[in-house]
Structures are given as C-alpha cells and as structure tokens.
Amino acid sequence: MNALLKAGYAENFEYASTTGNGVMKSFRKLTEQGEAFGVNKASRGHPFKTEAKFYGETFPQLLDVVVEQLKKEVGELLTK
C-alpha cells in the first residue's frame, strides 16, 4: 500500500479515536484514481473506516503501477 500511497492511488485518512481519548488514528483508502483497481469496503466494527479490496481483473495493471513506483524509488536511491 505504501507504493500506491506514494503514486497517488491511495491516501491516509485521519479520524478521532472512538474511545474518546482525543488520540488521532489513521487508515489508508483508495483515491478516486485508485478505485480503478478496487473499492474501499467498510471495515467490520468501524463503518467509517475502510479496507481496500482489489479487483482480480485489474490486478496485473495494479502490479504495473506498484512496480513502476518501486523502480522510481530505487532510481532515486541510486542517484544519491
């Protein structure tokens, strides 16, 4: 999910803890662009929190996005 986050296909979403202690928590969800590869499905126990569920038919293209992002990151590391 980190590669999708860096490539703009996912985003961090923050929310206040449901325990009322004021702590901020976060989860990752697919952006509109990322929803080409899957859907944000409601998580059990937290209706506002979602989990990415990816489509089998677009999974090869999703892997291409991840591989290209990782290549970019490796290239940046090698030029330092």
PDB file of N, CA and C in Angstrom:
ATOM      1  N   MET A   1       0.822  -1.184   0.000  1.00  0.00           N
ATOM      2  CA  MET A   1       0.000   0.000   0.000  1.00  0.00           C
ATOM      3  C   MET A   1       0.874   1.260   0.000  1.00  0.00           C
ATOM      4  N   ASN A   2       2.098   1.151   0.510  1.00  0.00           N
ATOM      5  CA  ASN A   2       2.994   2.318   0.522  1.00  0.00           C
ATOM      6  C   ASN A   2       3.280   2.822  -0.887  1.00  0.00           C
ATOM      7  N   ALA A   3       3.500   1.908  -1.828  1.00  0.00           N
ATOM      8  CA  ALA A   3       3.784   2.319  -3.203  1.00  0.00           C
ATOM      9  C   ALA A   3       2.558   3.014  -3.800  1.00  0.00           C
ATOM     10  N   LEU A   4       1.373   2.508  -3.521  1.00  0.00           N
ATOM     11  CA  LEU A   4       0.147   3.135  -4.022  1.00  0.00           C
ATOM     12  C   LEU A   4      -0.049   4.513  -3.406  1.00  0.00           C
ATOM     13  N   LEU A   5       0.309   4.636  -2.156  1.00  0.00           N
ATOM     14  CA  LEU A   5       0.215   5.926  -1.463  1.00  0.00           C
ATOM     15  C   LEU A   5       1.138   6.945  -2.126  1.00  0.00           C
ATOM     16  N   LYS A   6       2.374   6.560  -2.362  1.00  0.00           N
ATOM     17  CA  LYS A   6       3.357   7.469  -2.967  1.00  0.00           C
ATOM     18  C   LYS A   6       3.021   7.809  -4.416  1.00  0.00           C
ATOM     19  N   ALA A   7       2.346   6.896  -5.108  1.00  0.00           N
ATOM     20  CA  ALA A   7       1.979   7.123  -6.506  1.00  0.00           C
ATOM     21  C   ALA A   7       0.649   7.870  -6.646  1.00  0.00           C
ATOM     22  N   GLY A   8      -0.030   8.131  -5.524  1.00  0.00           N
ATOM     23  CA  GLY A   8      -1.284   8.882  -5.571  1.00  0.00           C
ATOM     24  C   GLY A   8      -2.534   8.048  -5.745  1.00  0.00           C
ATOM     25  N   TYR A   9      -2.408   6.731  -5.625  1.00  0.00           N
ATOM     26  CA  TYR A   9      -3.559   5.847  -5.780  1.00  0.00           C
ATOM     27  C   TYR A   9      -4.232   5.525  -4.442  1.00  0.00           C
ATOM     28  N   ALA A  10      -3.603   5.940  -3.352  1.00  0.00           N
ATOM     29  CA  ALA A  10      -4.161   5.755  -2.010  1.00  0.00           C
ATOM     30  C   ALA A  10      -3.816   6.996  -1.195  1.00  0.00           C
ATOM     31  N   GLU A  11      -4.539   7.175  -0.096  1.00  0.00           N
ATOM     32  CA  GLU A  11      -4.291   8.323   0.778  1.00  0.00           C
ATOM     33  C   GLU A  11      -4.508   7.922   2.229  1.00  0.00           C
ATOM     34  N   ASN A  12      -3.863   8.669   3.127  1.00  0.00           N
ATOM     35  CA  ASN A  12      -4.086   8.491   4.558  1.00  0.00           C
ATOM     36  C   ASN A  12      -5.334   9.266   4.945  1.00  0.00           C
ATOM     37  N   PHE A  13      -6.131   8.692   5.802  1.00  0.00           N
ATOM     38  CA  PHE A  13      -7.334   9.353   6.298  1.00  0.00           C
ATOM     39  C   PHE A  13      -7.280   9.308   7.816  1.00  0.00           C
ATOM     40  N   GLU A  14      -7.332  10.469   8.462  1.00  0.00           N
ATOM     41  CA  GLU A  14      -7.253  10.537   9.925  1.00  0.00           C
ATOM     42  C   GLU A  14      -8.634  10.721  10.536  1.00  0.00           C
ATOM     43  N   TYR A  15      -8.798  10.154  11.728  1.00  0.00           N
ATOM     44  CA  TYR A  15     -10.055  10.276  12.459  1.00  0.00           C
ATOM     45  C   TYR A  15      -9.766  10.239  13.954  1.00  0.00           C
ATOM     46  N   ALA A  16     -10.652  10.814  14.729  1.00  0.00           N
ATOM     47  CA  ALA A  16     -10.502  10.794  16.183  1.00  0.00           C
ATOM     48  C   ALA A  16     -10.880   9.415  16.703  1.00  0.00           C
ATOM     49  N   SER A  17     -10.104   8.919  17.637  1.00  0.00           N
ATOM     50  CA  SER A  17     -10.362   7.614  18.235  1.00  0.00           C
ATOM     51  C   SER A  17     -11.788   7.547  18.785  1.00  0.00           C
ATOM     52  N   THR A  18     -12.409   6.400  18.620  1.00  0.00           N
ATOM     53  CA  THR A  18     -13.779   6.222  19.107  1.00  0.00           C
ATOM     54  C   THR A  18     -13.844   6.024  20.619  1.00  0.00           C
ATOM     55  N   THR A  19     -12.691   5.922  21.283  1.00  0.00           N
ATOM     56  CA  THR A  19     -12.683   5.760  22.740  1.00  0.00           C
ATOM     57  C   THR A  19     -12.865   7.093  23.451  1.00  0.00           C
ATOM     58  N   GLY A  20     -12.788   8.175  22.697  1.00  0.00           N
ATOM     59  CA  GLY A  20     -12.979   9.494  23.292  1.00  0.00           C
ATOM     60  C   GLY A  20     -11.759  10.054  23.989  1.00  0.00           C
ATOM     61  N   ASN A  21     -10.599   9.432  23.798  1.00  0.00           N
ATOM     62  CA  ASN A  21      -9.384   9.905  24.469  1.00  0.00           C
ATOM     63  C   ASN A  21      -8.666  11.009  23.685  1.00  0.00           C
ATOM     64  N   GLY A  22      -9.213  11.410  22.539  1.00  0.00           N
ATOM     65  CA  GLY A  22      -8.632  12.500  21.758  1.00  0.00           C
ATOM     66  C   GLY A  22      -7.485  12.098  20.853  1.00  0.00           C
ATOM     67  N   VAL A  23      -7.095  10.848  20.871  1.00  0.00           N
ATOM     68  CA  VAL A  23      -5.992  10.371  20.030  1.00  0.00           C
ATOM     69  C   VAL A  23      -6.474  10.280  18.581  1.00  0.00           C
ATOM     70  N   MET A  24      -5.623  10.750  17.687  1.00  0.00           N
ATOM     71  CA  MET A  24      -5.938  10.646  16.259  1.00  0.00           C
ATOM     72  C   MET A  24      -5.380   9.333  15.722  1.00  0.00           C
ATOM     73  N   LYS A  25      -6.190   8.644  14.959  1.00  0.00           N
ATOM     74  CA  LYS A  25      -5.785   7.399  14.319  1.00  0.00           C
ATOM     75  C   LYS A  25      -5.906   7.599  12.822  1.00  0.00           C
ATOM     76  N   SER A  26      -5.393   6.659  12.071  1.00  0.00           N
ATOM     77  CA  SER A  26      -5.483   6.796  10.616  1.00  0.00           C
ATOM     78  C   SER A  26      -5.604   5.430   9.953  1.00  0.00           C
ATOM     79  N   PHE A  27      -6.086   5.467   8.731  1.00  0.00           N
ATOM     80  CA  PHE A  27      -6.105   4.284   7.878  1.00  0.00           C
ATOM     81  C   PHE A  27      -5.884   4.771   6.457  1.00  0.00           C
ATOM     82  N   ARG A  28      -5.628   3.853   5.573  1.00  0.00           N
ATOM     83  CA  ARG A  28      -5.393   4.211   4.178  1.00  0.00           C
ATOM     84  C   ARG A  28      -6.580   3.776   3.347  1.00  0.00           C
ATOM     85  N   LYS A  29      -6.922   4.629   2.395  1.00  0.00           N
ATOM     86  CA  LYS A  29      -8.017   4.284   1.495  1.00  0.00           C
ATOM     87  C   LYS A  29      -7.618   4.642   0.074  1.00  0.00           C
ATOM     88  N   LEU A  30      -8.277   4.006  -0.871  1.00  0.00           N
ATOM     89  CA  LEU A  30      -8.005   4.269  -2.273  1.00  0.00           C
ATOM     90  C   LEU A  30      -8.540   5.642  -2.653  1.00  0.00           C
ATOM     91  N   THR A  31      -7.780   6.356  -3.487  1.00  0.00           N
ATOM     92  CA  THR A  31      -8.253   7.621  -4.038  1.00  0.00           C
ATOM     93  C   THR A  31      -9.192   7.298  -5.203  1.00  0.00           C
ATOM     94  N   GLU A  32      -9.766   8.332  -5.783  1.00  0.00           N
ATOM     95  CA  GLU A  32     -10.632   8.129  -6.953  1.00  0.00           C
ATOM     96  C   GLU A  32      -9.847   7.426  -8.061  1.00  0.00           C
ATOM     97  N   GLN A  33      -8.597   7.823  -8.240  1.00  0.00           N
ATOM     98  CA  GLN A  33      -7.729   7.191  -9.236  1.00  0.00           C
ATOM     99  C   GLN A  33      -7.485   5.718  -8.877  1.00  0.00           C
ATOM    100  N   GLY A  34      -7.295   5.436  -7.608  1.00  0.00           N
ATOM    101  CA  GLY A  34      -7.048   4.072  -7.154  1.00  0.00           C
ATOM    102  C   GLY A  34      -8.254   3.160  -7.260  1.00  0.00           C
ATOM    103  N   GLU A  35      -9.434   3.761  -7.278  1.00  0.00           N
ATOM    104  CA  GLU A  35     -10.660   2.958  -7.368  1.00  0.00           C
ATOM    105  C   GLU A  35     -10.833   2.299  -8.734  1.00  0.00           C
ATOM    106  N   ALA A  36      -9.931   2.588  -9.669  1.00  0.00           N
ATOM    107  CA  ALA A  36      -9.912   1.853 -10.936  1.00  0.00           C
ATOM    108  C   ALA A  36      -9.461   0.416 -10.696  1.00  0.00           C
ATOM    109  N   PHE A  37      -8.770   0.189  -9.574  1.00  0.00           N
ATOM    110  CA  PHE A  37      -8.220  -1.129  -9.266  1.00  0.00           C
ATOM    111  C   PHE A  37      -8.947  -1.858  -8.137  1.00  0.00           C
ATOM    112  N   GLY A  38      -9.887  -1.170  -7.486  1.00  0.00           N
ATOM    113  CA  GLY A  38     -10.588  -1.805  -6.375  1.00  0.00           C
ATOM    114  C   GLY A  38     -11.577  -0.865  -5.723  1.00  0.00           C
ATOM    115  N   VAL A  39     -12.052  -1.248  -4.538  1.00  0.00           N
ATOM    116  CA  VAL A  39     -13.062  -0.461  -3.839  1.00  0.00           C
ATOM    117  C   VAL A  39     -12.686  -0.336  -2.381  1.00  0.00           C
ATOM    118  N   ASN A  40     -13.149   0.744  -1.769  1.00  0.00           N
ATOM    119  CA  ASN A  40     -12.987   0.948  -0.333  1.00  0.00           C
ATOM    120  C   ASN A  40     -14.182   0.297   0.353  1.00  0.00           C
ATOM    121  N   LYS A  41     -13.949  -0.855   0.942  1.00  0.00           N
ATOM    122  CA  LYS A  41     -15.026  -1.610   1.584  1.00  0.00           C
ATOM    123  C   LYS A  41     -15.047  -1.288   3.079  1.00  0.00           C
ATOM    124  N   ALA A  42     -16.244  -1.057   3.624  1.00  0.00           N
ATOM    125  CA  ALA A  42     -16.377  -0.741   5.050  1.00  0.00           C
ATOM    126  C   ALA A  42     -15.770  -1.853   5.894  1.00  0.00           C
ATOM    127  N   SER A  43     -15.015  -1.455   6.900  1.00  0.00           N
ATOM    128  CA  SER A  43     -14.363  -2.397   7.804  1.00  0.00           C
ATOM    129  C   SER A  43     -15.357  -2.881   8.849  1.00  0.00           C
ATOM    130  N   ARG A  44     -15.191  -4.067   9.317  1.00  0.00           N
ATOM    131  CA  ARG A  44     -16.050  -4.591  10.380  1.00  0.00           C
ATOM    132  C   ARG A  44     -15.794  -3.820  11.669  1.00  0.00           C
ATOM    133  N   GLY A  45     -16.851  -3.408  12.314  1.00  0.00           N
ATOM    134  CA  GLY A  45     -16.716  -2.728  13.591  1.00  0.00           C
ATOM    135  C   GLY A  45     -16.540  -1.222  13.500  1.00  0.00           C
ATOM    136  N   HIS A  46     -16.109  -0.728  12.346  1.00  0.00           N
ATOM    137  CA  HIS A  46     -15.913   0.712  12.150  1.00  0.00           C
ATOM    138  C   HIS A  46     -16.512   1.086  10.805  1.00  0.00           C
ATOM    139  N   PRO A  47     -17.765   1.490  10.762  1.00  0.00           N
ATOM    140  CA  PRO A  47     -18.414   1.756   9.473  1.00  0.00           C
ATOM    141  C   PRO A  47     -17.766   2.883   8.662  1.00  0.00           C
ATOM    142  N   PHE A  48     -17.061   3.813   9.313  1.00  0.00           N
ATOM    143  CA  PHE A  48     -16.415   4.904   8.585  1.00  0.00           C
ATOM    144  C   PHE A  48     -15.030   4.507   8.088  1.00  0.00           C
ATOM    145  N   LYS A  49     -14.450   3.486   8.668  1.00  0.00           N
ATOM    146  CA  LYS A  49     -13.121   3.022   8.300  1.00  0.00           C
ATOM    147  C   LYS A  49     -13.261   2.006   7.159  1.00  0.00           C
ATOM    148  N   THR A  50     -12.344   2.074   6.205  1.00  0.00           N
ATOM    149  CA  THR A  50     -12.443   1.176   5.057  1.00  0.00           C
ATOM    150  C   THR A  50     -11.168   0.364   4.872  1.00  0.00           C
ATOM    151  N   GLU A  51     -11.314  -0.694   4.107  1.00  0.00           N
ATOM    152  CA  GLU A  51     -10.188  -1.537   3.693  1.00  0.00           C
ATOM    153  C   GLU A  51     -10.236  -1.621   2.177  1.00  0.00           C
ATOM    154  N   ALA A  52      -9.085  -1.546   1.540  1.00  0.00           N
ATOM    155  CA  ALA A  52      -9.035  -1.671   0.082  1.00  0.00           C
ATOM    156  C   ALA A  52      -9.226  -3.130  -0.307  1.00  0.00           C
ATOM    157  N   LYS A  53     -10.141  -3.359  -1.205  1.00  0.00           N
ATOM    158  CA  LYS A  53     -10.371  -4.686  -1.787  1.00  0.00           C
ATOM    159  C   LYS A  53     -10.143  -4.541  -3.280  1.00  0.00           C
ATOM    160  N   PHE A  54      -9.153  -5.274  -3.803  1.00  0.00           N
ATOM    161  CA  PHE A  54      -8.747  -5.105  -5.189  1.00  0.00           C
ATOM    162  C   PHE A  54      -9.460  -6.067  -6.127  1.00  0.00           C
ATOM    163  N   TYR A  55      -9.711  -5.613  -7.358  1.00  0.00           N
ATOM    164  CA  TYR A  55     -10.361  -6.419  -8.389  1.00  0.00           C
ATOM    165  C   TYR A  55      -9.342  -7.373  -9.012  1.00  0.00           C
ATOM    166  N   GLY A  56      -9.735  -8.600  -9.197  1.00  0.00           N
ATOM    167  CA  GLY A  56      -8.861  -9.577  -9.840  1.00  0.00           C
ATOM    168  C   GLY A  56      -8.542  -9.221 -11.276  1.00  0.00           C
ATOM    169  N   GLU A  57      -9.535  -8.691 -11.997  1.00  0.00           N
ATOM    170  CA  GLU A  57      -9.341  -8.420 -13.422  1.00  0.00           C
ATOM    171  C   GLU A  57      -8.399  -7.246 -13.699  1.00  0.00           C
ATOM    172  N   THR A  58      -8.209  -6.342 -12.743  1.00  0.00           N
ATOM    173  CA  THR A  58      -7.283  -5.222 -12.958  1.00  0.00           C
ATOM    174  C   THR A  58      -5.988  -5.382 -12.145  1.00  0.00           C
ATOM    175  N   PHE A  59      -5.832  -6.531 -11.508  1.00  0.00           N
ATOM    176  CA  PHE A  59      -4.657  -6.732 -10.659  1.00  0.00           C
ATOM    177  C   PHE A  59      -3.338  -6.645 -11.438  1.00  0.00           C
ATOM    178  N   PRO A  60      -3.254  -7.154 -12.662  1.00  0.00           N
ATOM    179  CA  PRO A  60      -1.987  -7.001 -13.410  1.00  0.00           C
ATOM    180  C   PRO A  60      -1.607  -5.528 -13.622  1.00  0.00           C
ATOM    181  N   GLN A  61      -2.583  -4.683 -13.916  1.00  0.00           N
ATOM    182  CA  GLN A  61      -2.313  -3.257 -14.089  1.00  0.00           C
ATOM    183  C   GLN A  61      -1.916  -2.613 -12.765  1.00  0.00           C
ATOM    184  N   LEU A  62      -2.523  -3.054 -11.676  1.00  0.00           N
ATOM    185  CA  LEU A  62      -2.172  -2.571 -10.344  1.00  0.00           C
ATOM    186  C   LEU A  62      -0.716  -2.918 -10.032  1.00  0.00           C
ATOM    187  N   LEU A  63      -0.311  -4.128 -10.360  1.00  0.00           N
ATOM    188  CA  LEU A  63       1.089  -4.526 -10.155  1.00  0.00           C
ATOM    189  C   LEU A  63       2.030  -3.668 -10.987  1.00  0.00           C
ATOM    190  N   ASP A  64       1.618  -3.305 -12.201  1.00  0.00           N
ATOM    191  CA  ASP A  64       2.439  -2.420 -13.038  1.00  0.00           C
ATOM    192  C   ASP A  64       2.660  -1.081 -12.343  1.00  0.00           C
ATOM    193  N   VAL A  65       1.601  -0.532 -11.733  1.00  0.00           N
ATOM    194  CA  VAL A  65       1.710   0.740 -11.014  1.00  0.00           C
ATOM    195  C   VAL A  65       2.696   0.607  -9.862  1.00  0.00           C
ATOM    196  N   VAL A  66       2.575  -0.481  -9.105  1.00  0.00           N
ATOM    197  CA  VAL A  66       3.453  -0.705  -7.949  1.00  0.00           C
ATOM    198  C   VAL A  66       4.902  -0.872  -8.408  1.00  0.00           C
ATOM    199  N   VAL A  67       5.120  -1.661  -9.443  1.00  0.00           N
ATOM    200  CA  VAL A  67       6.480  -1.896  -9.939  1.00  0.00           C
ATOM    201  C   VAL A  67       7.096  -0.593 -10.440  1.00  0.00           C
ATOM    202  N   GLU A  68       6.330   0.210 -11.170  1.00  0.00           N
ATOM    203  CA  GLU A  68       6.863   1.485 -11.668  1.00  0.00           C
ATOM    204  C   GLU A  68       7.211   2.419 -10.514  1.00  0.00           C
ATOM    205  N   GLN A  69       6.396   2.451  -9.478  1.00  0.00           N
ATOM    206  CA  GLN A  69       6.690   3.295  -8.319  1.00  0.00           C
ATOM    207  C   GLN A  69       7.962   2.816  -7.623  1.00  0.00           C
ATOM    208  N   LEU A  70       8.099   1.508  -7.474  1.00  0.00           N
ATOM    209  CA  LEU A  70       9.297   0.961  -6.824  1.00  0.00           C
ATOM    210  C   LEU A  70      10.554   1.238  -7.663  1.00  0.00           C
ATOM    211  N   LYS A  71      10.446   1.138  -8.986  1.00  0.00           N
ATOM    212  CA  LYS A  71      11.578   1.462  -9.870  1.00  0.00           C
ATOM    213  C   LYS A  71      11.990   2.920  -9.680  1.00  0.00           C
ATOM    214  N   LYS A  72      11.008   3.790  -9.597  1.00  0.00           N
ATOM    215  CA  LYS A  72      11.272   5.213  -9.396  1.00  0.00           C
ATOM    216  C   LYS A  72      12.013   5.436  -8.078  1.00  0.00           C
ATOM    217  N   GLU A  73      11.551   4.773  -7.016  1.00  0.00           N
ATOM    218  CA  GLU A  73      12.188   4.930  -5.708  1.00  0.00           C
ATOM    219  C   GLU A  73      13.608   4.378  -5.705  1.00  0.00           C
ATOM    220  N   VAL A  74      13.821   3.250  -6.345  1.00  0.00           N
ATOM    221  CA  VAL A  74      15.166   2.677  -6.432  1.00  0.00           C
ATOM    222  C   VAL A  74      16.080   3.621  -7.215  1.00  0.00           C
ATOM    223  N   GLY A  75      15.568   4.166  -8.316  1.00  0.00           N
ATOM    224  CA  GLY A  75      16.350   5.117  -9.103  1.00  0.00           C
ATOM    225  C   GLY A  75      16.764   6.328  -8.287  1.00  0.00           C
ATOM    226  N   GLU A  76      15.849   6.834  -7.469  1.00  0.00           N
ATOM    227  CA  GLU A  76      16.170   7.974  -6.609  1.00  0.00           C
ATOM    228  C   GLU A  76      17.241   7.626  -5.582  1.00  0.00           C
ATOM    229  N   LEU A  77      17.181   6.405  -5.048  1.00  0.00           N
ATOM    230  CA  LEU A  77      18.191   5.978  -4.072  1.00  0.00           C
ATOM    231  C   LEU A  77      19.571   5.840  -4.723  1.00  0.00           C
ATOM    232  N   LEU A  78      19.599   5.366  -5.957  1.00  0.00           N
ATOM    233  CA  LEU A  78      20.873   5.159  -6.637  1.00  0.00           C
ATOM    234  C   LEU A  78      21.532   6.454  -7.070  1.00  0.00           C
ATOM    235  N   THR A  79      20.753   7.523  -7.202  1.00  0.00           N
ATOM    236  CA  THR A  79      21.336   8.797  -7.625  1.00  0.00           C
ATOM    237  C   THR A  79      21.804   9.646  -6.440  1.00  0.00           C
ATOM    238  N   LYS A  80      21.597   9.160  -5.243  1.00  0.00           N
ATOM    239  CA  LYS A  80      22.040   9.910  -4.048  1.00  0.00           C
ATOM    240  C   LYS A  80      23.491   9.668  -3.763  1.00  0.00           C
TER     241      LYS A  80
END
